[in-house]
Amino acid sequence: MVPDHPTAEQPDHRVAQSLRGFGPIGIAFVILVLLVGPLLGASLVLVWAWRTRLPWRELGFARPRSWVLTIVGGIIAGVALKLLMKAVVMPLLGAPPVNPAYSYLNGNTPALPGFLANVIITAGIGEEILWRGFLFERFRSRFGTSRRANVLAVVITSTLFGLAHYMSQRWMGVQQAFIVGLIFGSYFVMKRRIVPLMIAHAAFDIFAVLIVYYGMEERVAHALFH
C-alpha cells in the first residue's frame, strides 16, 4: 500500500535529485565548488558524492590493476610532461625562463616541505577531483558521452583550469595549465581513471618546485632554445 504522507526517505531523495540535477540548486552547487578553491571544493565534491550516493567510479575512482605500475608510470609521466613544458612548449610560447611567482622558493629550505605538501594535496588530489572527476561527471550527466560532448568537456574544463591559475601565475600559468588540462582531460575521457592523474599531477608540480628550489629553471628552459 502506498502511504498517504511522504516518508522520511522521500525528502532525502528529493534533495539528492536537486544536487545531482541542473536546476537552481545543482547549478549553484557547481558554481560554489568552483569558487571556493580546489581543496575545499574537492571536499565538497566528496561530501556531495556521498550525499547523493554517486558511485565513486563516476568520479574516476577505480582500483588500479597494479599500484606499482600506476605510481611509477604516473611519476614518470608527470616529470616528463613538466620537462616538455619547461624546455620546449613554454619557450616556444615566449614564456620567460624563470617563473617569478615562485622564485622565492629558490634555496628556501624552510618553505619547501610545506609547499610540497600543498602541491600534493591541493593540486595533485584536490584539483584532479575538481577539474577532472567532478566537472567531467557533470558534463557527462548533462551532455552525454558523444565525441562532441567529450571534446566540449575537455576544452571547457581546460579553459577554466587555465584561468584559475591567472591570479597566482598570470598568463604564463594560464597557458601552461590550459595545455596540461587538455592532456589530462583527454586521458580522463579515454580511461575514466583519476588516480593516475593525481600521481602525474603531483609529480609534475613537485618536479617544478624542485627545479625552482635548486635554481635550475633557466638551465632547463634553455636546454634546447638559447
Protein backbone atom coordinates (compact mmCIF):
# COMPACT_ATOMS: atom_id res chain seq x y z
CA MET A 1 0.00 0.00 0.00
CA VAL A 2 1.29 3.48 -0.87
CA PRO A 3 1.43 5.72 2.22
CA ASP A 4 -0.77 8.82 2.30
CA HIS A 5 2.07 11.00 3.59
CA PRO A 6 5.74 11.38 2.48
CA THR A 7 8.17 9.00 4.09
CA ALA A 8 11.50 10.06 5.60
CA GLU A 9 13.30 8.79 2.52
CA GLN A 10 11.31 10.89 0.03
CA PRO A 11 12.59 14.35 1.12
CA ASP A 12 16.10 12.92 1.24
CA HIS A 13 15.67 11.61 -2.30
CA ARG A 14 14.44 15.00 -3.49
CA VAL A 15 17.50 16.72 -2.02
CA ALA A 16 19.79 14.24 -3.76
CA GLN A 17 17.97 14.76 -7.05
CA SER A 18 18.30 18.53 -6.70
CA LEU A 19 22.03 18.31 -6.01
CA ARG A 20 22.57 15.91 -8.91
CA GLY A 21 20.30 17.82 -11.26
CA PHE A 22 20.77 21.02 -13.25
CA GLY A 23 18.15 23.17 -11.64
CA PRO A 24 18.97 26.20 -9.48
CA ILE A 25 20.36 24.08 -6.61
CA GLY A 26 22.51 21.89 -8.84
CA ILE A 27 23.93 24.83 -10.78
CA ALA A 28 24.52 26.83 -7.60
CA PHE A 29 26.47 23.90 -6.15
CA VAL A 30 28.73 23.71 -9.22
CA ILE A 31 29.42 27.44 -9.01
CA LEU A 32 30.14 27.16 -5.29
CA VAL A 33 32.61 24.33 -5.83
CA LEU A 34 34.45 26.33 -8.48
CA LEU A 35 34.62 29.47 -6.35
CA VAL A 36 35.88 28.05 -3.04
CA GLY A 37 39.16 26.66 -4.42
CA PRO A 38 40.44 23.14 -5.10
CA LEU A 39 40.91 21.91 -1.53
CA LEU A 40 37.56 22.95 -0.10
CA GLY A 41 35.91 22.36 -3.46
CA ALA A 42 37.17 18.79 -3.64
CA SER A 43 35.99 18.19 -0.07
CA LEU A 44 32.52 19.44 -1.03
CA VAL A 45 32.54 17.16 -4.07
CA LEU A 46 33.30 14.10 -1.93
CA VAL A 47 30.51 15.02 0.50
CA TRP A 48 28.19 15.63 -2.48
CA ALA A 49 29.04 12.22 -3.95
CA TRP A 50 28.36 10.52 -0.61
CA ARG A 51 25.16 12.51 0.00
CA THR A 52 23.75 11.76 -3.45
CA ARG A 53 25.00 8.17 -3.46
CA LEU A 54 27.01 8.75 -6.60
CA PRO A 55 29.18 5.70 -7.40
CA TRP A 56 32.85 6.61 -6.85
CA ARG A 57 33.71 5.25 -10.31
CA GLU A 58 31.69 8.15 -11.78
CA LEU A 59 34.39 10.47 -10.42
CA GLY A 60 37.11 8.22 -11.83
CA PHE A 61 37.96 6.32 -8.67
CA ALA A 62 38.82 2.78 -9.72
CA ARG A 63 41.28 0.36 -8.17
CA PRO A 64 44.41 0.19 -10.36
CA ARG A 65 45.33 -3.18 -11.75
CA SER A 66 48.83 -2.61 -10.42
CA TRP A 67 49.58 0.06 -7.82
CA VAL A 68 53.30 -0.16 -8.56
CA LEU A 69 52.87 0.42 -12.30
CA THR A 70 50.34 3.16 -11.68
CA ILE A 71 52.58 5.03 -9.25
CA VAL A 72 55.78 4.61 -11.28
CA GLY A 73 54.00 5.40 -14.54
CA GLY A 74 52.33 8.46 -13.07
CA ILE A 75 55.61 9.82 -11.70
CA ILE A 76 57.41 9.29 -15.00
CA ALA A 77 54.57 10.87 -16.97
CA GLY A 78 54.37 13.89 -14.67
CA VAL A 79 58.12 14.56 -14.71
CA ALA A 80 58.35 14.04 -18.47
CA LEU A 81 55.43 16.39 -19.09
CA LYS A 82 56.99 19.10 -16.92
CA LEU A 83 60.28 18.79 -18.78
CA LEU A 84 58.44 19.02 -22.09
CA MET A 85 56.53 22.10 -20.97
CA LYS A 86 59.55 23.85 -19.45
CA ALA A 87 62.13 23.04 -22.13
CA VAL A 88 60.00 23.05 -25.29
CA VAL A 89 56.41 24.28 -25.11
CA MET A 90 56.71 27.35 -22.89
CA PRO A 91 59.87 28.69 -24.61
CA LEU A 92 58.04 28.39 -27.95
CA LEU A 93 55.18 30.41 -26.46
CA GLY A 94 57.62 33.12 -25.41
CA ALA A 95 57.47 32.49 -21.67
CA PRO A 96 60.38 33.79 -19.57
CA PRO A 97 62.73 31.08 -18.29
CA VAL A 98 62.07 31.98 -14.65
CA ASN A 99 58.60 31.88 -13.11
CA PRO A 100 58.52 35.00 -10.91
CA ALA A 101 55.55 33.73 -8.91
CA TYR A 102 57.67 31.05 -7.24
CA SER A 103 61.18 32.44 -7.42
CA TYR A 104 61.11 32.89 -3.63
CA LEU A 105 61.42 29.10 -3.33
CA ASN A 106 64.95 29.19 -4.75
CA GLY A 107 67.08 27.78 -1.94
CA ASN A 108 64.31 28.44 0.59
CA THR A 109 64.57 25.27 2.66
CA PRO A 110 62.10 26.28 5.43
CA ALA A 111 59.35 26.87 2.85
CA LEU A 112 59.98 23.68 0.88
CA PRO A 113 58.22 20.95 2.98
CA GLY A 114 55.00 22.91 3.40
CA PHE A 115 54.89 23.89 -0.25
CA LEU A 116 55.48 20.32 -1.40
CA ALA A 117 52.69 19.09 0.89
CA ASN A 118 50.44 21.77 -0.55
CA VAL A 119 51.04 20.82 -4.18
CA ILE A 120 50.46 17.14 -3.41
CA ILE A 121 47.21 17.64 -1.51
CA THR A 122 45.75 20.77 -3.09
CA ALA A 123 46.95 20.38 -6.67
CA GLY A 124 47.57 16.67 -7.12
CA ILE A 125 44.48 15.48 -5.29
CA GLY A 126 42.15 18.47 -4.96
CA GLU A 127 42.46 19.87 -8.47
CA GLU A 128 42.03 16.47 -10.10
CA ILE A 129 38.87 15.70 -8.13
CA LEU A 130 37.52 19.13 -9.03
CA TRP A 131 38.61 19.76 -12.63
CA ARG A 132 38.55 16.23 -13.96
CA GLY A 133 36.42 13.98 -11.74
CA PHE A 134 33.60 16.36 -10.78
CA LEU A 135 33.30 18.57 -13.86
CA PHE A 136 33.55 15.67 -16.29
CA GLU A 137 30.81 13.85 -14.37
CA ARG A 138 28.66 16.96 -14.62
CA PHE A 139 29.29 17.22 -18.37
CA ARG A 140 28.51 13.54 -18.90
CA SER A 141 25.28 13.85 -16.95
CA ARG A 142 24.17 16.89 -18.94
CA PHE A 143 25.52 16.29 -22.44
CA GLY A 144 26.22 12.55 -22.63
CA THR A 145 29.37 10.81 -23.83
CA SER A 146 29.38 11.51 -27.56
CA ARG A 147 32.64 12.58 -29.20
CA ARG A 148 31.36 16.14 -29.49
CA ALA A 149 30.38 16.20 -25.80
CA ASN A 150 33.77 14.83 -24.76
CA VAL A 151 35.63 17.42 -26.84
CA LEU A 152 33.46 20.15 -25.35
CA ALA A 153 34.15 18.90 -21.84
CA VAL A 154 37.91 18.78 -22.40
CA VAL A 155 38.09 22.26 -23.92
CA ILE A 156 35.83 23.99 -21.41
CA THR A 157 37.35 22.38 -18.31
CA SER A 158 40.87 23.09 -19.62
CA THR A 159 39.97 26.72 -20.19
CA LEU A 160 38.56 27.08 -16.70
CA PHE A 161 41.54 25.21 -15.26
CA GLY A 162 43.88 27.60 -17.03
CA LEU A 163 42.03 30.73 -15.94
CA ALA A 164 42.08 29.51 -12.34
CA HIS A 165 45.86 29.93 -12.42
CA TYR A 166 45.79 33.58 -13.52
CA MET A 167 45.85 35.17 -10.08
CA SER A 168 48.94 33.28 -8.96
CA GLN A 169 50.89 32.88 -12.23
CA ARG A 170 49.39 35.35 -14.72
CA TRP A 171 49.13 34.44 -18.40
CA MET A 172 52.17 32.18 -18.39
CA GLY A 173 50.45 29.98 -15.83
CA VAL A 174 47.16 30.14 -17.73
CA GLN A 175 48.81 28.90 -20.92
CA GLN A 176 50.63 26.06 -19.20
CA ALA A 177 47.60 24.95 -17.18
CA PHE A 178 45.39 25.04 -20.28
CA ILE A 179 47.74 22.75 -22.19
CA VAL A 180 48.14 20.40 -19.23
CA GLY A 181 44.36 20.42 -18.83
CA LEU A 182 43.94 19.33 -22.44
CA ILE A 183 46.33 16.43 -21.91
CA PHE A 184 44.91 15.33 -18.56
CA GLY A 185 41.32 15.82 -19.74
CA SER A 186 41.91 13.73 -22.87
CA TYR A 187 43.36 10.94 -20.75
CA PHE A 188 40.39 11.08 -18.39
CA VAL A 189 37.92 10.89 -21.27
CA MET A 190 39.64 7.78 -22.60
CA LYS A 191 40.42 5.95 -19.35
CA ARG A 192 37.97 7.32 -16.74
CA ARG A 193 40.63 6.85 -14.07
CA ILE A 194 41.62 9.67 -11.76
CA VAL A 195 44.33 8.10 -9.58
CA PRO A 196 47.00 8.07 -12.35
CA LEU A 197 46.24 11.75 -12.98
CA MET A 198 46.58 12.59 -9.29
CA ILE A 199 50.01 10.97 -9.24
CA ALA A 200 51.12 12.58 -12.51
CA HIS A 201 49.84 15.99 -11.40
CA ALA A 202 51.63 15.76 -8.06
CA ALA A 203 54.86 14.61 -9.77
CA PHE A 204 54.55 17.47 -12.29
CA ASP A 205 54.28 20.08 -9.55
CA ILE A 206 56.88 18.50 -7.25
CA PHE A 207 59.40 18.45 -10.08
CA ALA A 208 58.52 22.05 -10.94
CA VAL A 209 59.13 23.10 -7.33
CA LEU A 210 62.45 21.25 -7.15
CA ILE A 211 63.64 22.90 -10.37
CA VAL A 212 62.99 26.27 -8.75
CA TYR A 213 64.46 25.27 -5.39
CA TYR A 214 67.74 24.09 -6.91
CA GLY A 215 67.98 27.12 -9.22
CA MET A 216 67.69 25.05 -12.42
CA GLU A 217 64.85 26.90 -14.15
CA GLU A 218 66.99 28.78 -16.66
CA ARG A 219 69.13 25.74 -17.41
CA VAL A 220 66.07 23.59 -18.17
CA ALA A 221 64.31 26.33 -20.12
CA HIS A 222 67.43 26.88 -22.26
CA ALA A 223 68.21 23.20 -22.75
CA LEU A 224 67.04 23.36 -26.38
CA PHE A 225 66.42 27.06 -27.05
CA HIS A 226 69.08 29.64 -26.19
